[in-house]
Amino acid sequence: MLKLEVLPKPLYFRRAEEVEFYETFFSEVCDWAPLSAELSAHAFAPASQLGQAGMDALHVAAALTLGAEGMVTTSSSRRATPRWIPARLVVRQVLL
């Protein structure tokens, strides 16, 4: 799910540094939450209540399902941490 969101465009536009960054990051991932009906159900209620985009809701639900302590985002550092990310998840912003 995450690879599908972030890799196609850098691959298509041949942005080698960005592809390398993501491939290095993904090689260090120790656990992946499978996309499932259960994960979708965990994502749906918060998304509906907070106006969250579907893919964002799935990322947060996956992090919570796996017991993650934090999340990494490539969103601009000028933007505040979105209100729909639970406070118990530490958010680290990475600029590409």
PDB file of N, CA and C in Angstrom:
ATOM      1  N   MET A   1       0.825  -1.185   0.000  1.00  0.00           N
ATOM      2  CA  MET A   1       0.000   0.000   0.000  1.00  0.00           C
ATOM      3  C   MET A   1       0.874   1.255   0.000  1.00  0.00           C
ATOM      4  N   LEU A   2       1.837   1.305   0.906  1.00  0.00           N
ATOM      5  CA  LEU A   2       2.697   2.485   0.974  1.00  0.00           C
ATOM      6  C   LEU A   2       3.586   2.597  -0.257  1.00  0.00           C
ATOM      7  N   LYS A   3       4.134   1.478  -0.695  1.00  0.00           N
ATOM      8  CA  LYS A   3       4.979   1.501  -1.895  1.00  0.00           C
ATOM      9  C   LYS A   3       4.179   1.990  -3.094  1.00  0.00           C
ATOM     10  N   LEU A   4       2.935   1.561  -3.192  1.00  0.00           N
ATOM     11  CA  LEU A   4       2.083   1.975  -4.305  1.00  0.00           C
ATOM     12  C   LEU A   4       1.833   3.476  -4.269  1.00  0.00           C
ATOM     13  N   GLU A   5       1.780   4.034  -3.077  1.00  0.00           N
ATOM     14  CA  GLU A   5       1.533   5.470  -2.963  1.00  0.00           C
ATOM     15  C   GLU A   5       2.762   6.312  -3.322  1.00  0.00           C
ATOM     16  N   VAL A   6       3.951   5.848  -2.959  1.00  0.00           N
ATOM     17  CA  VAL A   6       5.113   6.732  -3.089  1.00  0.00           C
ATOM     18  C   VAL A   6       6.084   6.408  -4.216  1.00  0.00           C
ATOM     19  N   LEU A   7       6.129   5.194  -4.714  1.00  0.00           N
ATOM     20  CA  LEU A   7       7.160   4.844  -5.694  1.00  0.00           C
ATOM     21  C   LEU A   7       6.821   5.026  -7.177  1.00  0.00           C
ATOM     22  N   PRO A   8       5.585   4.856  -7.610  1.00  0.00           N
ATOM     23  CA  PRO A   8       5.337   4.936  -9.059  1.00  0.00           C
ATOM     24  C   PRO A   8       5.805   6.229  -9.742  1.00  0.00           C
ATOM     25  N   LYS A   9       5.523   7.380  -9.175  1.00  0.00           N
ATOM     26  CA  LYS A   9       5.915   8.630  -9.835  1.00  0.00           C
ATOM     27  C   LYS A   9       7.426   8.819  -9.895  1.00  0.00           C
ATOM     28  N   PRO A  10       8.149   8.622  -8.787  1.00  0.00           N
ATOM     29  CA  PRO A  10       9.609   8.766  -8.909  1.00  0.00           C
ATOM     30  C   PRO A  10      10.216   7.764  -9.886  1.00  0.00           C
ATOM     31  N   LEU A  11       9.652   6.572  -9.961  1.00  0.00           N
ATOM     32  CA  LEU A  11      10.146   5.596 -10.934  1.00  0.00           C
ATOM     33  C   LEU A  11       9.861   6.068 -12.358  1.00  0.00           C
ATOM     34  N   TYR A  12       8.641   6.513 -12.589  1.00  0.00           N
ATOM     35  CA  TYR A  12       8.247   6.961 -13.925  1.00  0.00           C
ATOM     36  C   TYR A  12       9.077   8.155 -14.395  1.00  0.00           C
ATOM     37  N   PHE A  13       9.274   9.116 -13.478  1.00  0.00           N
ATOM     38  CA  PHE A  13      10.015  10.331 -13.836  1.00  0.00           C
ATOM     39  C   PHE A  13      11.520  10.197 -13.623  1.00  0.00           C
ATOM     40  N   ARG A  14      11.963   8.981 -13.332  1.00  0.00           N
ATOM     41  CA  ARG A  14      13.388   8.659 -13.175  1.00  0.00           C
ATOM     42  C   ARG A  14      14.099   9.567 -12.163  1.00  0.00           C
ATOM     43  N   ARG A  15      13.459   9.746 -11.012  1.00  0.00           N
ATOM     44  CA  ARG A  15      14.072  10.531  -9.935  1.00  0.00           C
ATOM     45  C   ARG A  15      14.850   9.555  -9.043  1.00  0.00           C
ATOM     46  N   ALA A  16      16.059   9.261  -9.461  1.00  0.00           N
ATOM     47  CA  ALA A  16      16.876   8.199  -8.858  1.00  0.00           C
ATOM     48  C   ALA A  16      17.114   8.400  -7.362  1.00  0.00           C
ATOM     49  N   GLU A  17      17.410   9.615  -6.935  1.00  0.00           N
ATOM     50  CA  GLU A  17      17.665   9.858  -5.513  1.00  0.00           C
ATOM     51  C   GLU A  17      16.446   9.539  -4.669  1.00  0.00           C
ATOM     52  N   GLU A  18      15.277   9.933  -5.155  1.00  0.00           N
ATOM     53  CA  GLU A  18      14.049   9.685  -4.414  1.00  0.00           C
ATOM     54  C   GLU A  18      13.744   8.184  -4.363  1.00  0.00           C
ATOM     55  N   VAL A  19      13.923   7.502  -5.482  1.00  0.00           N
ATOM     56  CA  VAL A  19      13.724   6.049  -5.524  1.00  0.00           C
ATOM     57  C   VAL A  19      14.674   5.370  -4.553  1.00  0.00           C
ATOM     58  N   GLU A  20      15.938   5.782  -4.560  1.00  0.00           N
ATOM     59  CA  GLU A  20      16.932   5.196  -3.663  1.00  0.00           C
ATOM     60  C   GLU A  20      16.549   5.413  -2.195  1.00  0.00           C
ATOM     61  N   PHE A  21      16.079   6.629  -1.878  1.00  0.00           N
ATOM     62  CA  PHE A  21      15.644   6.918  -0.517  1.00  0.00           C
ATOM     63  C   PHE A  21      14.561   5.940  -0.083  1.00  0.00           C
ATOM     64  N   TYR A  22      13.512   5.810  -0.905  1.00  0.00           N
ATOM     65  CA  TYR A  22      12.407   4.923  -0.541  1.00  0.00           C
ATOM     66  C   TYR A  22      12.849   3.466  -0.466  1.00  0.00           C
ATOM     67  N   GLU A  23      13.656   3.019  -1.395  1.00  0.00           N
ATOM     68  CA  GLU A  23      14.101   1.626  -1.378  1.00  0.00           C
ATOM     69  C   GLU A  23      14.950   1.344  -0.139  1.00  0.00           C
ATOM     70  N   THR A  24      15.790   2.293   0.241  1.00  0.00           N
ATOM     71  CA  THR A  24      16.583   2.135   1.461  1.00  0.00           C
ATOM     72  C   THR A  24      15.672   2.090   2.683  1.00  0.00           C
ATOM     73  N   PHE A  25      14.724   2.992   2.723  1.00  0.00           N
ATOM     74  CA  PHE A  25      13.783   3.024   3.846  1.00  0.00           C
ATOM     75  C   PHE A  25      13.005   1.711   3.931  1.00  0.00           C
ATOM     76  N   PHE A  26      12.455   1.265   2.814  1.00  0.00           N
ATOM     77  CA  PHE A  26      11.642   0.046   2.818  1.00  0.00           C
ATOM     78  C   PHE A  26      12.455  -1.194   3.172  1.00  0.00           C
ATOM     79  N   SER A  27      13.747  -1.189   2.852  1.00  0.00           N
ATOM     80  CA  SER A  27      14.582  -2.349   3.186  1.00  0.00           C
ATOM     81  C   SER A  27      14.750  -2.506   4.694  1.00  0.00           C
ATOM     82  N   GLU A  28      14.516  -1.451   5.444  1.00  0.00           N
ATOM     83  CA  GLU A  28      14.653  -1.486   6.901  1.00  0.00           C
ATOM     84  C   GLU A  28      13.342  -1.782   7.628  1.00  0.00           C
ATOM     85  N   VAL A  29      12.242  -1.845   6.908  1.00  0.00           N
ATOM     86  CA  VAL A  29      10.949  -2.103   7.538  1.00  0.00           C
ATOM     87  C   VAL A  29      10.932  -3.526   8.079  1.00  0.00           C
ATOM     88  N   CYS A  30      10.535  -3.660   9.343  1.00  0.00           N
ATOM     89  CA  CYS A  30      10.551  -4.990   9.965  1.00  0.00           C
ATOM     90  C   CYS A  30       9.188  -5.666   9.927  1.00  0.00           C
ATOM     91  N   ASP A  31       8.119  -4.918   9.683  1.00  0.00           N
ATOM     92  CA  ASP A  31       6.789  -5.521   9.649  1.00  0.00           C
ATOM     93  C   ASP A  31       5.873  -4.673   8.778  1.00  0.00           C
ATOM     94  N   TRP A  32       5.041  -5.337   8.001  1.00  0.00           N
ATOM     95  CA  TRP A  32       4.081  -4.663   7.128  1.00  0.00           C
ATOM     96  C   TRP A  32       2.673  -5.092   7.542  1.00  0.00           C
ATOM     97  N   ALA A  33       1.766  -4.155   7.641  1.00  0.00           N
ATOM     98  CA  ALA A  33       0.364  -4.495   7.904  1.00  0.00           C
ATOM     99  C   ALA A  33      -0.286  -4.830   6.572  1.00  0.00           C
ATOM    100  N   PRO A  34      -0.849  -6.032   6.452  1.00  0.00           N
ATOM    101  CA  PRO A  34      -1.486  -6.384   5.181  1.00  0.00           C
ATOM    102  C   PRO A  34      -2.770  -5.580   4.966  1.00  0.00           C
ATOM    103  N   LEU A  35      -2.992  -5.189   3.735  1.00  0.00           N
ATOM    104  CA  LEU A  35      -4.227  -4.506   3.379  1.00  0.00           C
ATOM    105  C   LEU A  35      -5.344  -5.527   3.473  1.00  0.00           C
ATOM    106  N   SER A  36      -6.335  -5.248   4.287  1.00  0.00           N
ATOM    107  CA  SER A  36      -7.403  -6.215   4.527  1.00  0.00           C
ATOM    108  C   SER A  36      -8.703  -5.489   4.839  1.00  0.00           C
ATOM    109  N   ALA A  37      -9.785  -6.247   4.862  1.00  0.00           N
ATOM    110  CA  ALA A  37     -11.083  -5.679   5.232  1.00  0.00           C
ATOM    111  C   ALA A  37     -11.043  -5.175   6.672  1.00  0.00           C
ATOM    112  N   GLU A  38     -10.335  -5.888   7.535  1.00  0.00           N
ATOM    113  CA  GLU A  38     -10.225  -5.484   8.937  1.00  0.00           C
ATOM    114  C   GLU A  38      -9.484  -4.154   9.069  1.00  0.00           C
ATOM    115  N   LEU A  39      -8.388  -4.002   8.342  1.00  0.00           N
ATOM    116  CA  LEU A  39      -7.641  -2.748   8.383  1.00  0.00           C
ATOM    117  C   LEU A  39      -8.505  -1.602   7.852  1.00  0.00           C
ATOM    118  N   SER A  40      -9.224  -1.861   6.778  1.00  0.00           N
ATOM    119  CA  SER A  40     -10.122  -0.843   6.213  1.00  0.00           C
ATOM    120  C   SER A  40     -11.184  -0.421   7.220  1.00  0.00           C
ATOM    121  N   ALA A  41     -11.705  -1.388   7.950  1.00  0.00           N
ATOM    122  CA  ALA A  41     -12.717  -1.079   8.966  1.00  0.00           C
ATOM    123  C   ALA A  41     -12.135  -0.220  10.081  1.00  0.00           C
ATOM    124  N   HIS A  42     -10.897  -0.513  10.496  1.00  0.00           N
ATOM    125  CA  HIS A  42     -10.234   0.302  11.527  1.00  0.00           C
ATOM    126  C   HIS A  42      -9.985   1.720  11.030  1.00  0.00           C
ATOM    127  N   ALA A  43      -9.799   1.891   9.744  1.00  0.00           N
ATOM    128  CA  ALA A  43      -9.503   3.209   9.176  1.00  0.00           C
ATOM    129  C   ALA A  43     -10.763   4.028   8.909  1.00  0.00           C
ATOM    130  N   PHE A  44     -11.876   3.368   8.663  1.00  0.00           N
ATOM    131  CA  PHE A  44     -13.072   4.055   8.179  1.00  0.00           C
ATOM    132  C   PHE A  44     -13.660   5.037   9.193  1.00  0.00           C
ATOM    133  N   ALA A  45     -13.834   4.623  10.438  1.00  0.00           N
ATOM    134  CA  ALA A  45     -14.484   5.491  11.428  1.00  0.00           C
ATOM    135  C   ALA A  45     -13.699   6.783  11.672  1.00  0.00           C
ATOM    136  N   PRO A  46     -12.384   6.697  11.959  1.00  0.00           N
ATOM    137  CA  PRO A  46     -11.650   7.956  12.157  1.00  0.00           C
ATOM    138  C   PRO A  46     -11.658   8.839  10.910  1.00  0.00           C
ATOM    139  N   ALA A  47     -11.566   8.217   9.745  1.00  0.00           N
ATOM    140  CA  ALA A  47     -11.575   8.998   8.504  1.00  0.00           C
ATOM    141  C   ALA A  47     -12.885   9.748   8.359  1.00  0.00           C
ATOM    142  N   SER A  48     -13.971   9.077   8.674  1.00  0.00           N
ATOM    143  CA  SER A  48     -15.293   9.698   8.556  1.00  0.00           C
ATOM    144  C   SER A  48     -15.501  10.803   9.576  1.00  0.00           C
ATOM    145  N   GLN A  49     -14.990  10.613  10.774  1.00  0.00           N
ATOM    146  CA  GLN A  49     -15.185  11.591  11.847  1.00  0.00           C
ATOM    147  C   GLN A  49     -14.277  12.799  11.724  1.00  0.00           C
ATOM    148  N   LEU A  50     -13.099  12.621  11.117  1.00  0.00           N
ATOM    149  CA  LEU A  50     -12.104  13.693  11.100  1.00  0.00           C
ATOM    150  C   LEU A  50     -11.820  14.258   9.718  1.00  0.00           C
ATOM    151  N   GLY A  51     -12.531  13.770   8.702  1.00  0.00           N
ATOM    152  CA  GLY A  51     -12.310  14.278   7.357  1.00  0.00           C
ATOM    153  C   GLY A  51     -10.982  13.852   6.770  1.00  0.00           C
ATOM    154  N   GLN A  52     -10.529  12.683   7.162  1.00  0.00           N
ATOM    155  CA  GLN A  52      -9.231  12.167   6.755  1.00  0.00           C
ATOM    156  C   GLN A  52      -9.316  11.511   5.380  1.00  0.00           C
ATOM    157  N   ALA A  53      -8.287  11.686   4.566  1.00  0.00           N
ATOM    158  CA  ALA A  53      -8.225  11.015   3.265  1.00  0.00           C
ATOM    159  C   ALA A  53      -8.063   9.509   3.499  1.00  0.00           C
ATOM    160  N   GLY A  54      -8.606   8.724   2.591  1.00  0.00           N
ATOM    161  CA  GLY A  54      -8.604   7.279   2.740  1.00  0.00           C
ATOM    162  C   GLY A  54      -7.230   6.662   2.922  1.00  0.00           C
ATOM    163  N   MET A  55      -6.283   7.037   2.084  1.00  0.00           N
ATOM    164  CA  MET A  55      -4.941   6.457   2.173  1.00  0.00           C
ATOM    165  C   MET A  55      -4.271   6.854   3.490  1.00  0.00           C
ATOM    166  N   ASP A  56      -4.470   8.103   3.907  1.00  0.00           N
ATOM    167  CA  ASP A  56      -3.915   8.543   5.188  1.00  0.00           C
ATOM    168  C   ASP A  56      -4.510   7.732   6.335  1.00  0.00           C
ATOM    169  N   ALA A  57      -5.803   7.500   6.272  1.00  0.00           N
ATOM    170  CA  ALA A  57      -6.469   6.715   7.317  1.00  0.00           C
ATOM    171  C   ALA A  57      -5.915   5.295   7.362  1.00  0.00           C
ATOM    172  N   LEU A  58      -5.653   4.705   6.217  1.00  0.00           N
ATOM    173  CA  LEU A  58      -5.081   3.358   6.177  1.00  0.00           C
ATOM    174  C   LEU A  58      -3.675   3.338   6.781  1.00  0.00           C
ATOM    175  N   HIS A  59      -2.878   4.356   6.517  1.00  0.00           N
ATOM    176  CA  HIS A  59      -1.525   4.422   7.085  1.00  0.00           C
ATOM    177  C   HIS A  59      -1.577   4.494   8.610  1.00  0.00           C
ATOM    178  N   VAL A  60      -2.446   5.344   9.140  1.00  0.00           N
ATOM    179  CA  VAL A  60      -2.559   5.473  10.593  1.00  0.00           C
ATOM    180  C   VAL A  60      -3.085   4.173  11.198  1.00  0.00           C
ATOM    181  N   ALA A  61      -4.106   3.585  10.585  1.00  0.00           N
ATOM    182  CA  ALA A  61      -4.655   2.323  11.093  1.00  0.00           C
ATOM    183  C   ALA A  61      -3.590   1.225  11.072  1.00  0.00           C
ATOM    184  N   ALA A  62      -2.782   1.180  10.033  1.00  0.00           N
ATOM    185  CA  ALA A  62      -1.712   0.183   9.952  1.00  0.00           C
ATOM    186  C   ALA A  62      -0.702   0.400  11.074  1.00  0.00           C
ATOM    187  N   ALA A  63      -0.315   1.643  11.305  1.00  0.00           N
ATOM    188  CA  ALA A  63       0.644   1.939  12.373  1.00  0.00           C
ATOM    189  C   ALA A  63       0.095   1.512  13.731  1.00  0.00           C
ATOM    190  N   LEU A  64      -1.165   1.833  13.978  1.00  0.00           N
ATOM    191  CA  LEU A  64      -1.766   1.467  15.259  1.00  0.00           C
ATOM    192  C   LEU A  64      -1.920  -0.043  15.392  1.00  0.00           C
ATOM    193  N   THR A  65      -2.302  -0.717  14.310  1.00  0.00           N
ATOM    194  CA  THR A  65      -2.462  -2.172  14.326  1.00  0.00           C
ATOM    195  C   THR A  65      -1.152  -2.867  14.663  1.00  0.00           C
ATOM    196  N   LEU A  66      -0.052  -2.344  14.146  1.00  0.00           N
ATOM    197  CA  LEU A  66       1.261  -2.950  14.383  1.00  0.00           C
ATOM    198  C   LEU A  66       1.892  -2.509  15.699  1.00  0.00           C
ATOM    199  N   GLY A  67       1.235  -1.586  16.402  1.00  0.00           N
ATOM    200  CA  GLY A  67       1.786  -1.102  17.667  1.00  0.00           C
ATOM    201  C   GLY A  67       2.956  -0.156  17.480  1.00  0.00           C
ATOM    202  N   ALA A  68       2.971   0.546  16.359  1.00  0.00           N
ATOM    203  CA  ALA A  68       4.066   1.479  16.073  1.00  0.00           C
ATOM    204  C   ALA A  68       4.114   2.601  17.105  1.00  0.00           C
ATOM    205  N   GLU A  69       5.311   3.072  17.363  1.00  0.00           N
ATOM    206  CA  GLU A  69       5.500   4.202  18.259  1.00  0.00           C
ATOM    207  C   GLU A  69       5.519   5.523  17.509  1.00  0.00           C
ATOM    208  N   GLY A  70       5.698   5.457  16.182  1.00  0.00           N
ATOM    209  CA  GLY A  70       5.782   6.676  15.413  1.00  0.00           C
ATOM    210  C   GLY A  70       5.519   6.450  13.946  1.00  0.00           C
ATOM    211  N   MET A  71       5.464   7.548  13.232  1.00  0.00           N
ATOM    212  CA  MET A  71       5.245   7.525  11.790  1.00  0.00           C
ATOM    213  C   MET A  71       6.236   8.487  11.145  1.00  0.00           C
ATOM    214  N   VAL A  72       6.567   8.223   9.892  1.00  0.00           N
ATOM    215  CA  VAL A  72       7.419   9.110   9.112  1.00  0.00           C
ATOM    216  C   VAL A  72       6.554   9.684   7.994  1.00  0.00           C
ATOM    217  N   THR A  73       6.679  10.970   7.760  1.00  0.00           N
ATOM    218  CA  THR A  73       5.921  11.607   6.692  1.00  0.00           C
ATOM    219  C   THR A  73       6.863  12.430   5.823  1.00  0.00           C
ATOM    220  N   THR A  74       6.526  12.554   4.558  1.00  0.00           N
ATOM    221  CA  THR A  74       7.294  13.429   3.669  1.00  0.00           C
ATOM    222  C   THR A  74       6.535  14.725   3.417  1.00  0.00           C
ATOM    223  N   SER A  75       5.501  14.969   4.225  1.00  0.00           N
ATOM    224  CA  SER A  75       4.760  16.225   4.113  1.00  0.00           C
ATOM    225  C   SER A  75       5.670  17.383   4.487  1.00  0.00           C
ATOM    226  N   SER A  76       5.375  18.530   3.960  1.00  0.00           N
ATOM    227  CA  SER A  76       6.172  19.721   4.224  1.00  0.00           C
ATOM    228  C   SER A  76       6.242  20.010   5.716  1.00  0.00           C
ATOM    229  N   SER A  77       7.425  20.384   6.191  1.00  0.00           N
ATOM    230  CA  SER A  77       7.602  20.697   7.614  1.00  0.00           C
ATOM    231  C   SER A  77       6.853  21.965   8.013  1.00  0.00           C
ATOM    232  N   ARG A  78       6.409  22.728   7.034  1.00  0.00           N
ATOM    233  CA  ARG A  78       5.660  23.957   7.343  1.00  0.00           C
ATOM    234  C   ARG A  78       4.242  23.654   7.789  1.00  0.00           C
ATOM    235  N   ARG A  79       3.782  22.456   7.472  1.00  0.00           N
ATOM    236  CA  ARG A  79       2.424  22.084   7.867  1.00  0.00           C
ATOM    237  C   ARG A  79       2.458  21.456   9.247  1.00  0.00           C
ATOM    238  N   ALA A  80       1.458  21.757  10.035  1.00  0.00           N
ATOM    239  CA  ALA A  80       1.367  21.154  11.365  1.00  0.00           C
ATOM    240  C   ALA A  80       1.043  19.671  11.232  1.00  0.00           C
ATOM    241  N   THR A  81       1.356  18.913  12.273  1.00  0.00           N
ATOM    242  CA  THR A  81       0.987  17.505  12.286  1.00  0.00           C
ATOM    243  C   THR A  81      -0.527  17.419  12.166  1.00  0.00           C
ATOM    244  N   PRO A  82      -1.020  16.653  11.221  1.00  0.00           N
ATOM    245  CA  PRO A  82      -2.469  16.564  11.037  1.00  0.00           C
ATOM    246  C   PRO A  82      -3.175  16.113  12.314  1.00  0.00           C
ATOM    247  N   ARG A  83      -4.330  16.684  12.593  1.00  0.00           N
ATOM    248  CA  ARG A  83      -5.062  16.398  13.829  1.00  0.00           C
ATOM    249  C   ARG A  83      -5.527  14.960  13.924  1.00  0.00           C
ATOM    250  N   TRP A  84      -5.550  14.260  12.800  1.00  0.00           N
ATOM    251  CA  TRP A  84      -6.034  12.885  12.816  1.00  0.00           C
ATOM    252  C   TRP A  84      -4.966  11.871  13.168  1.00  0.00           C
ATOM    253  N   ILE A  85      -3.723  12.301  13.352  1.00  0.00           N
ATOM    254  CA  ILE A  85      -2.689  11.373  13.808  1.00  0.00           C
ATOM    255  C   ILE A  85      -2.738  11.359  15.328  1.00  0.00           C
ATOM    256  N   PRO A  86      -3.010  10.202  15.938  1.00  0.00           N
ATOM    257  CA  PRO A  86      -3.117  10.137  17.399  1.00  0.00           C
ATOM    258  C   PRO A  86      -1.851  10.666  18.073  1.00  0.00           C
ATOM    259  N   ALA A  87      -2.030  11.344  19.178  1.00  0.00           N
ATOM    260  CA  ALA A  87      -0.917  11.977  19.886  1.00  0.00           C
ATOM    261  C   ALA A  87       0.144  10.968  20.312  1.00  0.00           C
ATOM    262  N   ARG A  88      -0.241   9.705  20.524  1.00  0.00           N
ATOM    263  CA  ARG A  88       0.738   8.716  20.982  1.00  0.00           C
ATOM    264  C   ARG A  88       1.708   8.296  19.880  1.00  0.00           C
ATOM    265  N   LEU A  89       1.424   8.667  18.619  1.00  0.00           N
ATOM    266  CA  LEU A  89       2.338   8.379  17.527  1.00  0.00           C
ATOM    267  C   LEU A  89       3.250   9.587  17.295  1.00  0.00           C
ATOM    268  N   VAL A  90       4.529   9.399  17.487  1.00  0.00           N
ATOM    269  CA  VAL A  90       5.501  10.461  17.227  1.00  0.00           C
ATOM    270  C   VAL A  90       5.659  10.577  15.717  1.00  0.00           C
ATOM    271  N   VAL A  91       5.551  11.770  15.201  1.00  0.00           N
ATOM    272  CA  VAL A  91       5.650  11.993  13.768  1.00  0.00           C
ATOM    273  C   VAL A  91       6.987  12.620  13.442  1.00  0.00           C
ATOM    274  N   ARG A  92       7.687  12.001  12.518  1.00  0.00           N
ATOM    275  CA  ARG A  92       8.964  12.528  12.044  1.00  0.00           C
ATOM    276  C   ARG A  92       8.800  12.932  10.587  1.00  0.00           C
ATOM    277  N   GLN A  93       9.104  14.172  10.284  1.00  0.00           N
ATOM    278  CA  GLN A  93       8.971  14.662   8.911  1.00  0.00           C
ATOM    279  C   GLN A  93      10.316  14.608   8.203  1.00  0.00           C
ATOM    280  N   VAL A  94      10.308  14.069   7.008  1.00  0.00           N
ATOM    281  CA  VAL A  94      11.502  13.962   6.180  1.00  0.00           C
ATOM    282  C   VAL A  94      11.265  14.752   4.908  1.00  0.00           C
ATOM    283  N   LEU A  95      12.153  15.639   4.594  1.00  0.00           N
ATOM    284  CA  LEU A  95      12.023  16.434   3.366  1.00  0.00           C
ATOM    285  C   LEU A  95      12.860  15.774   2.267  1.00  0.00           C
ATOM    286  N   LEU A  96      12.261  15.587   1.134  1.00  0.00           N
ATOM    287  CA  LEU A  96      12.976  14.991   0.000  1.00  0.00           C
ATOM    288  C   LEU A  96      13.486  16.064  -0.928  1.00  0.00           C
TER     289      LEU A  96
END
